[in-house]
């Protein structure tokens, strides 16, 4: 072979190798773009993290740990007299901020998180995305210790009893100086697969509480299937269809028909459905499914109408629904707190310090009259 021809062949071969590598790289990028994101699958094609359109106020409890401590010293969020406050917060793979091993940056800022929960002035807090032992239990024990100090309370935590160490769990945090836990139970009906812990999907966790003024009710912590694929959407629909059954089971178990479902419902719509279902349209479908003859269920309106920002949009993933509850005045809404409330849905982004070391969700609460009307 001539030297010129040999050089030509080597050049052609090199070009083919470069072309092949470029094709593989492009294929990997396309595969990554099509893959379902690990965290809440609301990411839009080509979307990037967005800073909020305006900063948090310097004295906001969501701006920094130090600002939270100053805000708490000033009196907290404020709670009217004669009410019981029940909240929910997805704590983002607590305490590490990710699945698997501890986060290299330390995960949750427990001092700030305890301050934020104390500032909310909740009596009972449904929590989601909690790890099991040893990480989850150790984190909860430290969080409870800090809450006791900040509130002069006596806090306790409960988690569902699913055995999977690697999965997320639902739980209840509550101040035993403010409420009495009479009983609790795992609500297996909220797992769409028919068994409480099957395939590491979550059951609900119900606590039957009595408050000082006479209010008593079941609080069901819920964390439904995340995702925008058709199967995810169908799984959530099965869980919502079981709310009526779960409420009836709690009525039989406690003798009380007052039931509040609260938590991360993951109502993010369905991108793969034909036609697509928006997050708002999913909420509309749920409202229709709760209406009679399915039972006396209703979803509570929230203000503002977002609790999470990801992939370029703010959506309402965390909310509450009730069965009966005469102690809830007409027109009272779920309060969405955190950066969602301070910045509003249009200005919210996903690059705040609080979203990194507290949670990517905003906490919510509902105030009930602390009386017994049934």
Protein backbone atom coordinates (compact mmCIF):
# COMPACT_ATOMS: atom_id res chain seq x y z
CA UNK A 1 0.00 0.00 0.00
CA UNK A 2 1.38 3.42 -0.87
CA UNK A 3 2.18 5.91 1.87
CA UNK A 4 -0.43 8.33 0.51
CA UNK A 5 -3.14 5.63 0.45
CA UNK A 6 -2.18 4.49 3.98
CA UNK A 7 -2.52 8.04 5.23
CA UNK A 8 -5.89 8.32 3.53
CA UNK A 9 -7.14 5.12 5.16
CA UNK A 10 -5.97 6.20 8.61
CA UNK A 11 -7.65 9.58 8.18
CA UNK A 12 -10.90 7.95 7.08
CA UNK A 13 -10.75 5.49 9.97
CA UNK A 14 -10.17 8.32 12.43
CA UNK A 15 -13.14 10.22 11.03
CA UNK A 16 -15.35 7.15 11.40
CA UNK A 17 -14.24 6.67 15.02
CA UNK A 18 -15.02 10.29 15.83
CA UNK A 19 -18.41 9.96 14.13
CA UNK A 20 -19.17 6.83 16.12
CA UNK A 21 -18.24 8.48 19.40
CA UNK A 22 -20.39 11.47 18.51
CA UNK A 23 -23.35 9.20 17.75
CA UNK A 24 -22.95 7.36 21.07
CA UNK A 25 -22.72 10.63 22.98
CA UNK A 26 -25.80 11.96 21.22
CA UNK A 27 -27.66 8.73 21.98
CA UNK A 28 -26.75 9.01 25.65
CA UNK A 29 -27.94 12.61 25.75
CA UNK A 30 -31.22 11.63 24.11
CA UNK A 31 -31.65 8.69 26.47
CA UNK A 32 -31.00 10.94 29.46
CA UNK A 33 -33.48 13.50 28.19
CA UNK A 34 -36.16 10.82 27.81
CA UNK A 35 -35.47 9.14 31.15
CA UNK A 36 -37.83 9.87 34.02
CA UNK A 37 -36.11 12.23 36.48
CA UNK A 38 -35.27 10.74 39.86
CA UNK A 39 -37.02 13.46 41.80
CA UNK A 40 -40.51 14.74 41.13
CA UNK A 41 -41.05 14.02 37.47
CA UNK A 42 -42.42 17.44 36.55
CA UNK A 43 -39.25 18.51 34.73
CA UNK A 44 -40.08 19.94 31.33
CA UNK A 45 -37.94 19.15 28.31
CA UNK A 46 -34.95 21.49 28.34
CA UNK A 47 -35.94 23.18 31.61
CA UNK A 48 -33.22 24.43 33.94
CA UNK A 49 -33.19 25.35 37.64
CA UNK A 50 -34.45 28.87 38.10
CA UNK A 51 -33.59 31.42 40.73
CA UNK A 52 -36.61 33.15 42.27
CA UNK A 53 -37.61 36.37 40.55
CA UNK A 54 -37.06 38.29 43.77
CA UNK A 55 -35.14 37.47 46.94
CA UNK A 56 -36.64 36.40 50.22
CA UNK A 57 -36.90 39.14 52.80
CA UNK A 58 -33.79 39.25 55.02
CA UNK A 59 -35.94 38.62 58.12
CA UNK A 60 -37.81 35.70 56.54
CA UNK A 61 -37.58 32.42 58.49
CA UNK A 62 -36.91 30.80 55.09
CA UNK A 63 -33.91 33.00 54.28
CA UNK A 64 -31.45 31.43 56.73
CA UNK A 65 -31.19 29.58 60.01
CA UNK A 66 -30.26 32.79 61.80
CA UNK A 67 -33.25 34.64 60.32
CA UNK A 68 -35.53 31.80 61.41
CA UNK A 69 -34.22 31.98 64.96
CA UNK A 70 -34.90 35.73 65.04
CA UNK A 71 -38.40 35.23 63.59
CA UNK A 72 -39.18 32.52 66.12
CA UNK A 73 -38.03 34.78 68.96
CA UNK A 74 -40.53 37.31 67.60
CA UNK A 75 -43.45 34.94 68.05
CA UNK A 76 -43.66 32.50 65.13
CA UNK A 77 -46.26 32.33 62.37
CA UNK A 78 -49.13 33.26 64.67
CA UNK A 79 -51.99 30.97 65.60
CA UNK A 80 -55.42 32.24 66.65
CA UNK A 81 -56.71 31.22 70.04
CA UNK A 82 -58.99 28.21 70.16
CA UNK A 83 -57.67 26.41 67.08
CA UNK A 84 -55.81 23.19 66.49
CA UNK A 85 -53.18 23.39 63.76
CA UNK A 86 -52.40 20.29 61.66
CA UNK A 87 -49.70 20.46 59.03
CA UNK A 88 -47.72 18.40 56.53
CA UNK A 89 -44.25 18.63 55.08
CA UNK A 90 -42.33 16.45 52.64
CA UNK A 91 -38.82 16.47 54.16
CA UNK A 92 -36.92 15.28 51.05
CA UNK A 93 -35.23 11.99 51.93
CA UNK A 94 -34.80 13.07 55.56
CA UNK A 95 -32.24 13.44 56.98
CA UNK A 96 -29.77 13.09 54.08
CA UNK A 97 -31.46 14.94 51.23
CA UNK A 98 -31.03 11.98 48.87
CA UNK A 99 -31.44 8.19 48.76
CA UNK A 100 -28.63 5.92 49.86
CA UNK A 101 -25.76 7.19 51.94
CA UNK A 102 -25.52 10.48 53.78
CA UNK A 103 -25.19 13.60 51.66
CA UNK A 104 -21.57 14.83 51.47
CA UNK A 105 -22.75 18.31 52.47
CA UNK A 106 -24.58 16.99 55.52
CA UNK A 107 -28.17 16.77 54.26
CA UNK A 108 -30.83 18.56 56.29
CA UNK A 109 -29.89 21.49 58.49
CA UNK A 110 -31.58 20.07 61.61
CA UNK A 111 -31.26 23.28 63.62
CA UNK A 112 -32.97 25.30 60.87
CA UNK A 113 -35.58 22.59 60.26
CA UNK A 114 -36.52 22.42 63.94
CA UNK A 115 -36.75 26.22 64.02
CA UNK A 116 -38.99 26.24 60.94
CA UNK A 117 -41.36 23.62 62.39
CA UNK A 118 -41.49 25.50 65.69
CA UNK A 119 -42.21 28.73 63.77
CA UNK A 120 -45.16 27.05 62.02
CA UNK A 121 -46.81 26.49 65.43
CA UNK A 122 -48.31 23.15 64.41
CA UNK A 123 -49.62 20.65 66.94
CA UNK A 124 -49.40 17.68 64.56
CA UNK A 125 -47.21 17.47 61.47
CA UNK A 126 -47.54 14.73 58.85
CA UNK A 127 -44.10 14.08 57.38
CA UNK A 128 -43.05 12.31 54.20
CA UNK A 129 -39.84 10.94 52.66
CA UNK A 130 -38.36 9.78 55.95
CA UNK A 131 -35.61 7.16 55.91
CA UNK A 132 -35.74 4.13 58.18
CA UNK A 133 -33.06 3.12 60.72
CA UNK A 134 -30.47 4.03 61.42
CA UNK A 135 -30.40 7.34 59.54
CA UNK A 136 -34.09 8.25 59.77
CA UNK A 137 -34.51 7.33 63.42
CA UNK A 138 -31.36 9.17 64.45
CA UNK A 139 -32.42 12.27 62.52
CA UNK A 140 -35.91 12.21 64.02
CA UNK A 141 -34.54 11.79 67.54
CA UNK A 142 -32.33 14.85 67.07
CA UNK A 143 -35.18 16.82 65.50
CA UNK A 144 -37.49 15.94 68.41
CA UNK A 145 -34.83 16.96 70.92
CA UNK A 146 -34.43 20.34 69.24
CA UNK A 147 -38.21 20.86 69.01
CA UNK A 148 -38.58 20.16 72.74
CA UNK A 149 -35.99 22.84 73.47
CA UNK A 150 -37.44 25.43 71.10
CA UNK A 151 -41.11 24.95 72.03
CA UNK A 152 -40.87 23.76 75.65
CA UNK A 153 -42.96 20.87 74.36
CA UNK A 154 -42.70 17.11 74.49
CA UNK A 155 -42.59 15.91 70.91
CA UNK A 156 -42.94 12.36 69.64
CA UNK A 157 -42.57 10.75 66.21
CA UNK A 158 -44.24 7.76 64.57
CA UNK A 159 -43.44 6.09 61.24
CA UNK A 160 -45.20 3.45 59.18
CA UNK A 161 -43.90 -0.06 59.87
CA UNK A 162 -42.94 -1.03 56.32
CA UNK A 163 -39.69 -3.01 56.50
CA UNK A 164 -37.88 -1.58 53.46
CA UNK A 165 -34.77 0.19 54.70
CA UNK A 166 -34.08 1.85 51.35
CA UNK A 167 -37.51 3.34 50.69
CA UNK A 168 -39.35 6.43 51.88
CA UNK A 169 -41.72 6.36 54.83
CA UNK A 170 -44.61 8.48 56.09
CA UNK A 171 -44.88 9.60 59.67
CA UNK A 172 -46.43 11.87 62.26
CA UNK A 173 -44.69 14.39 64.51
CA UNK A 174 -46.76 15.76 67.39
CA UNK A 175 -46.43 17.61 70.67
CA UNK A 176 -47.84 15.49 73.48
CA UNK A 177 -48.27 18.62 75.60
CA UNK A 178 -50.79 19.83 73.03
CA UNK A 179 -52.43 16.62 71.82
CA UNK A 180 -53.15 13.10 73.01
CA UNK A 181 -52.60 10.21 70.63
CA UNK A 182 -55.31 7.67 71.40
CA UNK A 183 -54.39 5.12 68.74
CA UNK A 184 -52.68 4.76 65.39
CA UNK A 185 -52.78 2.41 62.40
CA UNK A 186 -51.15 1.84 59.04
CA UNK A 187 -53.62 2.61 56.21
CA UNK A 188 -52.76 -0.02 53.62
CA UNK A 189 -55.53 1.04 51.24
CA UNK A 190 -53.48 4.05 50.10
CA UNK A 191 -50.89 1.77 48.49
CA UNK A 192 -52.33 1.32 44.98
CA UNK A 193 -50.97 -2.24 44.74
CA UNK A 194 -53.33 -3.57 47.38
CA UNK A 195 -50.81 -4.31 50.13
CA UNK A 196 -49.46 -1.74 52.61
CA UNK A 197 -45.77 -2.03 51.71
CA UNK A 198 -45.78 -3.67 48.28
CA UNK A 199 -43.08 -2.52 45.82
CA UNK A 200 -41.93 0.13 48.28
CA UNK A 201 -44.98 2.30 47.60
CA UNK A 202 -46.34 3.98 50.70
CA UNK A 203 -49.35 3.23 52.84
CA UNK A 204 -50.93 5.98 54.88
CA UNK A 205 -50.36 6.40 58.60
CA UNK A 206 -53.37 7.36 60.72
CA UNK A 207 -53.23 8.85 64.19
CA UNK A 208 -56.41 9.39 66.21
CA UNK A 209 -55.81 12.58 68.22
CA UNK A 210 -57.65 14.50 70.91
CA UNK A 211 -56.98 18.20 71.48
CA UNK A 212 -57.38 20.24 74.70
CA UNK A 213 -60.63 21.91 73.63
CA UNK A 214 -62.39 18.63 72.74
CA UNK A 215 -61.59 18.23 69.04
CA UNK A 216 -60.89 14.62 68.13
CA UNK A 217 -60.17 13.24 64.67
CA UNK A 218 -58.03 10.88 62.63
CA UNK A 219 -55.10 12.50 60.81
CA UNK A 220 -53.89 10.38 57.90
CA UNK A 221 -50.41 11.17 56.61
CA UNK A 222 -50.27 10.42 52.87
CA UNK A 223 -47.56 10.29 50.22
CA UNK A 224 -48.86 9.09 46.85
CA UNK A 225 -47.01 7.90 43.76
CA UNK A 226 -44.81 10.47 42.05
CA UNK A 227 -44.47 10.74 38.28
CA UNK A 228 -46.04 12.02 35.07
CA UNK A 229 -46.21 8.69 33.21
CA UNK A 230 -49.55 7.02 32.60
CA UNK A 231 -48.81 4.25 35.10
CA UNK A 232 -47.97 6.80 37.82
CA UNK A 233 -51.17 8.68 37.08
CA UNK A 234 -53.18 5.46 37.26
CA UNK A 235 -51.57 4.48 40.57
CA UNK A 236 -52.53 7.82 42.10
CA UNK A 237 -56.08 7.42 40.83
CA UNK A 238 -56.29 4.05 42.61
CA UNK A 239 -55.05 5.63 45.83
CA UNK A 240 -57.54 8.49 45.61
CA UNK A 241 -60.33 6.00 44.93
CA UNK A 242 -59.38 4.29 48.22
CA UNK A 243 -59.75 7.46 50.33
CA UNK A 244 -63.43 6.73 50.91
CA UNK A 245 -62.67 3.18 52.01
CA UNK A 246 -59.88 4.42 54.26
CA UNK A 247 -62.15 7.02 55.87
CA UNK A 248 -64.81 4.37 56.51
CA UNK A 249 -62.20 2.04 58.01
CA UNK A 250 -61.01 4.81 60.35
CA UNK A 251 -64.64 5.46 61.36
CA UNK A 252 -65.05 1.79 62.25
CA UNK A 253 -61.71 1.69 64.07
CA UNK A 254 -62.19 4.82 66.18
CA UNK A 255 -65.95 5.29 66.25
CA UNK A 256 -65.42 8.81 64.87
CA UNK A 257 -66.15 9.85 61.27
CA UNK A 258 -63.87 12.90 61.38
CA UNK A 259 -60.90 12.12 59.12
CA UNK A 260 -58.31 14.47 57.61
CA UNK A 261 -56.03 13.23 54.82
CA UNK A 262 -52.98 15.46 54.48
CA UNK A 263 -49.59 15.23 52.81
CA UNK A 264 -47.80 15.00 49.47
CA UNK A 265 -50.42 13.90 46.96
CA UNK A 266 -48.09 14.39 43.96
CA UNK A 267 -50.81 15.78 41.69
CA UNK A 268 -48.48 16.60 38.81
CA UNK A 269 -50.65 15.49 35.90
CA UNK A 270 -49.84 13.01 33.15
CA UNK A 271 -47.45 13.87 30.33
CA UNK A 272 -47.72 10.45 28.68
CA UNK A 273 -51.52 10.28 28.61
CA UNK A 274 -53.42 10.95 25.39
CA UNK A 275 -54.56 13.65 25.71
CA UNK A 276 -52.15 14.99 28.30
CA UNK A 277 -53.54 15.78 31.74
CA UNK A 278 -52.34 18.98 33.42
CA UNK A 279 -51.81 19.15 37.18
CA UNK A 280 -54.92 21.32 37.48
CA UNK A 281 -56.97 18.87 35.44
CA UNK A 282 -55.85 16.04 37.73
CA UNK A 283 -57.14 18.00 40.72
CA UNK A 284 -60.47 18.53 38.93
CA UNK A 285 -60.76 14.77 38.32
CA UNK A 286 -60.04 14.09 41.97
CA UNK A 287 -62.73 16.55 43.08
CA UNK A 288 -65.23 14.72 40.89
CA UNK A 289 -64.14 11.32 42.23
CA UNK A 290 -64.63 12.48 45.84
CA UNK A 291 -68.19 13.64 45.23
CA UNK A 292 -71.21 11.48 46.15
CA UNK A 293 -71.97 8.60 45.83
CA UNK A 294 -68.33 7.87 46.70
CA UNK A 295 -68.69 9.34 50.16
CA UNK A 296 -68.62 12.61 52.11
CA UNK A 297 -65.12 13.51 50.93
CA UNK A 298 -63.90 16.89 49.75
CA UNK A 299 -60.56 18.43 48.89
CA UNK A 300 -59.73 21.63 50.73
CA UNK A 301 -58.72 24.63 48.66
CA UNK A 302 -55.20 25.91 49.25
CA UNK A 303 -53.65 29.38 49.28
CA UNK A 304 -51.40 29.89 47.39
CA UNK A 305 -52.02 27.19 44.82
CA UNK A 306 -48.46 25.84 44.67
CA UNK A 307 -46.28 23.92 47.10
CA UNK A 308 -43.37 22.88 44.90
CA UNK A 309 -41.29 24.30 42.05
CA UNK A 310 -39.40 22.09 39.64
CA UNK A 311 -38.57 22.06 35.97
CA UNK A 312 -39.83 25.56 35.29
CA UNK A 313 -43.25 25.46 36.91
CA UNK A 314 -44.88 25.74 40.33
CA UNK A 315 -47.57 23.18 41.15
CA UNK A 316 -49.75 22.15 44.08
CA UNK A 317 -48.52 18.74 45.18
CA UNK A 318 -49.30 19.02 48.91
CA UNK A 319 -52.88 19.44 50.11
CA UNK A 320 -55.61 18.05 52.35
CA UNK A 321 -58.99 16.37 52.04
CA UNK A 322 -61.61 15.68 54.69
CA UNK A 323 -64.45 13.40 55.61
CA UNK A 324 -67.07 15.08 57.84
CA UNK A 325 -65.17 17.55 60.13
CA UNK A 326 -67.83 19.91 61.40
CA UNK A 327 -64.99 21.64 63.26
CA UNK A 328 -63.72 23.10 59.98
CA UNK A 329 -65.45 26.44 59.35
CA UNK A 330 -66.88 26.94 55.87
CA UNK A 331 -64.44 28.59 53.49
CA UNK A 332 -61.33 27.97 55.57
CA UNK A 333 -58.39 27.06 53.34
CA UNK A 334 -55.18 25.14 53.66
CA UNK A 335 -52.32 27.57 54.21
CA UNK A 336 -49.27 26.92 52.07
CA UNK A 337 -46.32 28.40 53.94
CA UNK A 338 -42.59 28.64 53.30
CA UNK A 339 -41.08 30.37 50.27
CA UNK A 340 -44.24 29.53 48.29
CA UNK A 341 -46.27 31.90 50.45
CA UNK A 342 -43.64 34.62 50.66
CA UNK A 343 -42.69 34.75 46.99
CA UNK A 344 -45.88 33.50 45.36
CA UNK A 345 -46.20 30.89 42.63
CA UNK A 346 -45.13 33.16 39.78
CA UNK A 347 -41.92 34.33 41.47
CA UNK A 348 -40.90 31.01 43.07
CA UNK A 349 -37.79 29.23 41.82
CA UNK A 350 -35.90 26.13 42.91
CA UNK A 351 -32.48 27.52 43.84
CA UNK A 352 -33.12 28.72 47.40
CA UNK A 353 -30.99 27.64 50.33
CA UNK A 354 -34.12 26.46 52.17
CA UNK A 355 -34.98 24.17 49.27
CA UNK A 356 -31.54 22.62 49.50
CA UNK A 357 -31.18 22.03 53.25
CA UNK A 358 -34.81 21.95 54.46
CA UNK A 359 -36.99 20.60 51.66
CA UNK A 360 -37.87 21.14 48.02
CA UNK A 361 -41.52 21.29 49.17
CA UNK A 362 -43.25 24.03 51.11
CA UNK A 363 -45.01 23.10 54.36
CA UNK A 364 -48.78 23.36 54.64
CA UNK A 365 -51.26 23.59 57.51
CA UNK A 366 -54.98 23.76 58.26
CA UNK A 367 -56.55 25.34 61.36
CA UNK A 368 -59.55 23.56 62.89
CA UNK A 369 -61.75 24.89 65.68
CA UNK A 370 -60.68 23.08 68.85
CA UNK A 371 -64.18 22.04 69.91
CA UNK A 372 -66.20 18.86 69.54
CA UNK A 373 -69.24 19.41 67.33
CA UNK A 374 -70.25 15.77 66.84
